[in-house]
Protein backbone atom coordinates (compact mmCIF):
# COMPACT_ATOMS: atom_id res chain seq x y z
CA UNK A 1 0.00 0.00 0.00
CA UNK A 2 1.37 3.38 -0.96
CA UNK A 3 0.94 6.25 1.47
CA UNK A 4 1.49 9.79 0.26
CA UNK A 5 2.00 13.10 1.97
CA UNK A 6 1.71 16.49 0.31
CA UNK A 7 1.07 19.74 2.17
CA UNK A 8 2.52 23.02 3.31
CA UNK A 9 3.43 24.03 6.85
CA UNK A 10 5.79 25.97 9.05
CA UNK A 11 7.35 24.36 12.14
CA UNK A 12 10.23 24.92 14.50
CA UNK A 13 11.29 21.32 15.27
CA UNK A 14 10.72 18.29 13.00
CA UNK A 15 8.01 18.87 10.39
CA UNK A 16 7.80 15.37 8.91
CA UNK A 17 8.97 12.39 10.99
CA UNK A 18 9.16 9.11 9.10
CA UNK A 19 9.61 5.81 10.90
CA UNK A 20 9.83 7.36 14.35
CA UNK A 21 8.44 5.26 17.14
CA UNK A 22 8.96 2.12 15.06
CA UNK A 23 6.01 2.77 12.73
CA UNK A 24 6.39 3.65 9.03
CA UNK A 25 4.70 6.98 8.33
CA UNK A 26 4.62 7.35 4.58
CA UNK A 27 6.61 5.95 1.70
CA UNK A 28 6.18 8.90 -0.67
CA UNK A 29 6.68 12.44 0.59
CA UNK A 30 6.25 14.86 -2.28
CA UNK A 31 5.04 18.33 -3.28
CA UNK A 32 5.43 19.91 0.16
CA UNK A 33 6.40 23.45 1.08
CA UNK A 34 8.14 23.02 4.42
CA UNK A 35 9.39 26.14 6.19
CA UNK A 36 11.34 25.70 9.41
CA UNK A 37 13.34 27.89 11.77
CA UNK A 38 15.58 24.94 12.71
CA UNK A 39 15.21 25.73 16.39
CA UNK A 40 14.83 23.22 19.16
CA UNK A 41 12.77 23.82 22.25
CA UNK A 42 12.73 20.41 23.90
CA UNK A 43 15.03 18.17 21.88
CA UNK A 44 18.59 18.15 20.63
CA UNK A 45 17.75 18.13 16.93
CA UNK A 46 15.69 20.07 14.42
CA UNK A 47 14.91 19.03 10.84
CA UNK A 48 12.45 19.67 8.04
CA UNK A 49 12.18 15.93 7.29
CA UNK A 50 13.65 13.24 9.56
CA UNK A 51 13.84 9.54 8.63
CA UNK A 52 14.33 7.07 11.47
CA UNK A 53 14.66 3.29 11.94
CA UNK A 54 11.60 1.88 10.24
CA UNK A 55 11.56 4.56 7.55
CA UNK A 56 12.23 1.95 4.87
CA UNK A 57 11.37 2.22 1.16
CA UNK A 58 11.01 6.00 1.33
CA UNK A 59 10.95 8.40 -1.63
CA UNK A 60 11.25 12.11 -0.85
CA UNK A 61 10.83 14.14 -4.03
CA UNK A 62 9.75 17.53 -5.38
CA UNK A 63 9.65 19.29 -2.00
CA UNK A 64 10.72 22.79 -1.05
CA UNK A 65 12.36 22.80 2.38
CA UNK A 66 13.46 26.26 3.48
CA UNK A 67 14.92 27.62 6.69
CA UNK A 68 13.36 31.01 7.41
CA UNK A 69 14.18 33.74 9.89
CA UNK A 70 17.55 34.94 11.03
CA UNK A 71 18.17 32.23 13.61
CA UNK A 72 21.63 30.65 13.28
CA UNK A 73 21.82 27.25 15.00
CA UNK A 74 24.63 26.67 17.52
CA UNK A 75 27.97 25.07 16.62
CA UNK A 76 26.48 21.55 16.44
CA UNK A 77 25.42 22.01 12.81
CA UNK A 78 25.00 18.24 12.37
CA UNK A 79 21.91 18.49 14.64
CA UNK A 80 20.13 21.11 12.49
CA UNK A 81 19.31 19.74 9.02
CA UNK A 82 16.71 20.27 6.33
CA UNK A 83 16.64 16.51 5.64
CA UNK A 84 18.11 14.11 8.19
CA UNK A 85 18.49 10.36 7.57
CA UNK A 86 19.01 8.56 10.87
CA UNK A 87 17.70 10.12 14.05
CA UNK A 88 18.53 7.65 16.79
CA UNK A 89 22.13 6.54 17.24
CA UNK A 90 21.36 3.13 15.76
CA UNK A 91 19.06 4.18 12.88
CA UNK A 92 19.68 2.39 9.57
CA UNK A 93 16.70 2.78 7.21
CA UNK A 94 16.80 0.96 3.86
CA UNK A 95 15.92 2.03 0.30
CA UNK A 96 15.87 5.79 0.91
CA UNK A 97 15.65 7.99 -2.21
CA UNK A 98 15.80 11.79 -2.05
CA UNK A 99 15.39 13.54 -5.43
CA UNK A 100 14.43 16.88 -7.00
CA UNK A 101 14.08 18.81 -3.75
CA UNK A 102 14.84 22.50 -3.27
CA UNK A 103 16.82 22.98 -0.04
CA UNK A 104 17.65 26.45 1.26
CA UNK A 105 19.04 27.55 4.62
CA UNK A 106 20.90 30.42 6.24
CA UNK A 107 24.14 28.45 6.72
CA UNK A 108 25.67 26.85 3.64
CA UNK A 109 26.11 23.41 5.19
CA UNK A 110 24.25 20.30 6.33
CA UNK A 111 21.29 20.67 4.02
CA UNK A 112 21.02 16.89 3.93
CA UNK A 113 22.70 14.88 6.68
CA UNK A 114 23.14 11.10 6.92
CA UNK A 115 24.23 9.92 10.37
CA UNK A 116 27.15 7.53 10.80
CA UNK A 117 24.84 4.67 11.85
CA UNK A 118 23.26 4.58 8.37
CA UNK A 119 25.25 2.01 6.40
CA UNK A 120 22.58 1.35 3.76
CA UNK A 121 22.78 3.36 0.55
CA UNK A 122 20.93 6.67 0.47
CA UNK A 123 20.31 7.81 -3.13
CA UNK A 124 20.23 11.61 -2.96
CA UNK A 125 20.84 12.75 -6.52
CA UNK A 126 19.41 15.78 -8.32
CA UNK A 127 18.64 18.11 -5.40
CA UNK A 128 19.07 21.90 -5.51
CA UNK A 129 20.90 23.70 -2.71
CA UNK A 130 20.77 27.42 -1.92
CA UNK A 131 21.81 29.82 0.82
CA UNK A 132 19.23 32.46 1.69
CA UNK A 133 21.47 34.84 3.66
């Protein structure tokens, strides 16, 4: 069964969480306008889209994920990402594809971050990166 997600929203922590809590959320995330400040209030990470353990067979395509506002995250830039693959220290989702997304943030780094625990291939070709400073 294919589950799709397509919307627009503004958030300050994680906008779309896939596979968190051990349950797959959606396997096609497309045509979203996600605006985030990349701030954290209660957790140690902030992301536009985060893919965790059971986020298997995921396609993320044709999304616009933009950091807005003047907030500059602290020195731990690996904790503030527009797309993050692997949330928990042991996360290792399979068959993740990330294509044709527009990613823009105030710091020209860590648009898309794959944690060290992810040993499966993440296909992240044909994405557009921008700095909106």
